[in-house]
């Protein structure tokens, strides 16, 4: 793991432990602790967002990578530009910014300067958009939570793998 990402992951654990006494263990279930912490930290200043989003984004990114494989695209010095790429071999089936997802979870809405959108190969986008439009709506709190984002990523990866196999 990139040393800078490791620092942010450790910071996320420290924040949650100090606030709740709970330890983050890298499990999917531990995202519930992160979501709880972030719900309590609403209405924060921009400097606090710039501190918390990279920490929780790095933690979330590592959980995603442990489930799906892939890797970080973290060449930029700005964590909000870091992306995760999921895909077999050298392909990039899906890319996204875990830091941006954490920022939107912290603010419970889109945040200027943070791109929290999922991207895929151009040839797969129309079919993916159509499939996502058929999903049942969820409440806003769950939609922006990292637990909700992980569930969405799981669904999208399944859809994209199926689309690739058909094409």
Protein backbone atom coordinates (compact mmCIF):
# COMPACT_ATOMS: atom_id res chain seq x y z
CA UNK A 1 0.00 0.00 0.00
CA UNK A 2 1.16 3.48 -0.85
CA UNK A 3 2.58 5.03 2.37
CA UNK A 4 0.41 8.14 2.01
CA UNK A 5 -2.73 6.03 1.62
CA UNK A 6 -1.66 3.96 4.64
CA UNK A 7 -1.36 7.18 6.70
CA UNK A 8 -4.89 8.19 5.74
CA UNK A 9 -6.27 4.71 6.55
CA UNK A 10 -4.62 4.89 9.98
CA UNK A 11 -6.05 8.39 10.51
CA UNK A 12 -9.57 7.12 9.73
CA UNK A 13 -9.11 4.44 12.39
CA UNK A 14 -7.90 7.03 14.88
CA UNK A 15 -10.85 9.36 14.23
CA UNK A 16 -13.42 6.61 14.69
CA UNK A 17 -11.67 5.13 17.73
CA UNK A 18 -11.41 8.48 19.51
CA UNK A 19 -15.07 9.26 18.85
CA UNK A 20 -16.61 5.85 19.47
CA UNK A 21 -14.02 3.59 21.10
CA UNK A 22 -14.47 1.16 18.20
CA UNK A 23 -11.64 -0.26 16.12
CA UNK A 24 -11.79 -0.28 12.33
CA UNK A 25 -10.69 -3.70 11.08
CA UNK A 26 -10.92 -3.28 7.31
CA UNK A 27 -14.13 -5.30 7.09
CA UNK A 28 -17.21 -4.37 5.12
CA UNK A 29 -19.11 -4.36 8.41
CA UNK A 30 -16.79 -1.67 9.80
CA UNK A 31 -18.16 0.76 7.21
CA UNK A 32 -21.20 1.05 9.48
CA UNK A 33 -18.91 2.61 12.14
CA UNK A 34 -17.49 5.00 9.55
CA UNK A 35 -20.97 5.93 8.35
CA UNK A 36 -22.06 6.54 11.96
CA UNK A 37 -19.02 8.76 12.60
CA UNK A 38 -19.60 10.71 9.38
CA UNK A 39 -23.28 11.25 10.20
CA UNK A 40 -22.20 12.90 13.46
CA UNK A 41 -19.70 15.15 11.66
CA UNK A 42 -22.25 16.88 9.40
CA UNK A 43 -22.06 20.62 8.69
CA UNK A 44 -18.29 20.75 8.90
CA UNK A 45 -15.99 23.45 7.60
CA UNK A 46 -14.14 23.05 4.30
CA UNK A 47 -10.76 22.59 6.07
CA UNK A 48 -12.23 19.76 8.18
CA UNK A 49 -13.71 18.17 5.05
CA UNK A 50 -10.27 18.31 3.41
CA UNK A 51 -8.88 16.45 6.43
CA UNK A 52 -11.60 13.81 6.84
CA UNK A 53 -12.47 12.98 3.21
CA UNK A 54 -9.01 11.61 2.29
CA UNK A 55 -8.88 9.52 5.47
CA UNK A 56 -12.29 7.94 5.03
CA UNK A 57 -11.86 7.74 1.26
CA UNK A 58 -8.60 5.82 1.68
CA UNK A 59 -10.25 3.46 4.16
CA UNK A 60 -13.21 2.93 1.84
CA UNK A 61 -10.90 2.44 -1.14
CA UNK A 62 -8.96 -0.27 0.64
CA UNK A 63 -12.19 -2.13 1.46
CA UNK A 64 -13.27 -1.92 -2.19
CA UNK A 65 -9.89 -3.21 -3.35
CA UNK A 66 -10.03 -6.11 -0.88
CA UNK A 67 -13.40 -7.15 -2.35
CA UNK A 68 -12.77 -6.63 -6.07
CA UNK A 69 -9.05 -6.32 -6.66
CA UNK A 70 -7.75 -3.51 -8.80
CA UNK A 71 -5.52 -0.69 -7.74
CA UNK A 72 -5.06 2.92 -6.82
CA UNK A 73 -4.33 5.61 -9.38
CA UNK A 74 -2.74 7.92 -6.85
CA UNK A 75 0.01 9.75 -8.73
CA UNK A 76 -1.40 13.19 -7.98
CA UNK A 77 -0.41 15.01 -4.81
CA UNK A 78 -4.10 15.86 -4.32
CA UNK A 79 -6.07 13.00 -2.70
CA UNK A 80 -9.32 14.25 -4.24
CA UNK A 81 -7.87 13.30 -7.65
CA UNK A 82 -6.96 9.75 -6.59
CA UNK A 83 -9.03 7.03 -8.20
CA UNK A 84 -9.58 3.32 -7.82
CA UNK A 85 -9.57 1.18 -10.96
CA UNK A 86 -11.34 -2.17 -10.80
CA UNK A 87 -10.88 -4.66 -13.59
CA UNK A 88 -9.16 -7.81 -14.68
CA UNK A 89 -5.55 -7.44 -15.78
CA UNK A 90 -4.78 -4.06 -17.27
CA UNK A 91 -8.40 -3.20 -18.11
CA UNK A 92 -10.36 -0.64 -16.16
CA UNK A 93 -13.86 -2.00 -15.87
CA UNK A 94 -14.80 0.70 -13.36
CA UNK A 95 -13.05 3.74 -11.92
CA UNK A 96 -14.10 6.16 -9.20
CA UNK A 97 -12.75 8.50 -6.56
CA UNK A 98 -13.18 7.06 -3.05
CA UNK A 99 -12.14 10.40 -1.56
CA UNK A 100 -14.92 12.14 -3.47
CA UNK A 101 -17.38 9.50 -2.30
CA UNK A 102 -16.29 10.16 1.29
CA UNK A 103 -16.68 13.91 0.76
CA UNK A 104 -20.23 13.48 -0.56
CA UNK A 105 -21.01 11.13 2.35
CA UNK A 106 -19.73 13.71 4.84
CA UNK A 107 -21.78 16.51 3.26
CA UNK A 108 -24.72 14.28 2.23
CA UNK A 109 -24.64 15.82 -1.21
CA UNK A 110 -22.42 16.72 -4.10
CA UNK A 111 -19.33 18.74 -3.18
CA UNK A 112 -17.69 21.21 -5.54
CA UNK A 113 -14.25 20.02 -6.61
CA UNK A 114 -14.96 16.35 -5.84
CA UNK A 115 -16.04 14.00 -8.68
CA UNK A 116 -17.90 11.11 -7.04
CA UNK A 117 -19.16 9.57 -10.27
CA UNK A 118 -18.47 6.04 -11.43
CA UNK A 119 -16.91 5.74 -14.88
CA UNK A 120 -16.53 2.81 -17.22
CA UNK A 121 -15.61 2.08 -20.82
CA UNK A 122 -17.58 4.26 -23.25
CA UNK A 123 -19.04 1.22 -25.02
CA UNK A 124 -20.57 -0.03 -21.74
CA UNK A 125 -21.96 3.30 -20.50
CA UNK A 126 -25.36 3.28 -22.28
CA UNK A 127 -26.29 -0.21 -21.08
CA UNK A 128 -25.04 0.57 -17.56
CA UNK A 129 -27.04 3.81 -17.37
CA UNK A 130 -30.15 1.98 -18.53
CA UNK A 131 -29.66 -0.73 -15.88
CA UNK A 132 -29.06 1.83 -13.12
CA UNK A 133 -32.22 3.74 -14.03
CA UNK A 134 -34.20 0.59 -13.21
CA UNK A 135 -32.89 0.43 -9.63
CA UNK A 136 -35.29 1.13 -6.81
CA UNK A 137 -34.70 4.49 -5.13
CA UNK A 138 -33.11 4.56 -1.68
CA UNK A 139 -33.27 7.28 0.94
CA UNK A 140 -30.71 10.06 0.74
CA UNK A 141 -28.84 9.08 3.89
CA UNK A 142 -28.21 5.55 2.60
CA UNK A 143 -27.45 6.77 -0.93
CA UNK A 144 -24.58 8.94 0.28
CA UNK A 145 -23.29 6.50 2.92
CA UNK A 146 -20.17 4.51 2.16
CA UNK A 147 -22.12 1.33 2.89
CA UNK A 148 -24.63 2.37 0.21
CA UNK A 149 -21.83 3.27 -2.19
CA UNK A 150 -20.20 -0.14 -1.68
CA UNK A 151 -23.50 -1.85 -2.43
CA UNK A 152 -23.83 0.25 -5.58
CA UNK A 153 -20.28 -0.61 -6.67
CA UNK A 154 -20.99 -4.32 -6.11
CA UNK A 155 -24.09 -4.06 -8.27
CA UNK A 156 -22.28 -2.08 -10.99
CA UNK A 157 -19.36 -4.51 -11.11
CA UNK A 158 -21.80 -7.42 -11.52
CA UNK A 159 -23.61 -5.55 -14.29
CA UNK A 160 -20.40 -4.61 -16.09
CA UNK A 161 -19.02 -8.14 -15.95
CA UNK A 162 -22.28 -9.41 -17.43
CA UNK A 163 -22.23 -6.74 -20.14
CA UNK A 164 -18.64 -7.56 -21.03
CA UNK A 165 -19.43 -11.25 -21.30
CA UNK A 166 -22.37 -10.56 -23.63
CA UNK A 167 -20.29 -8.25 -25.83
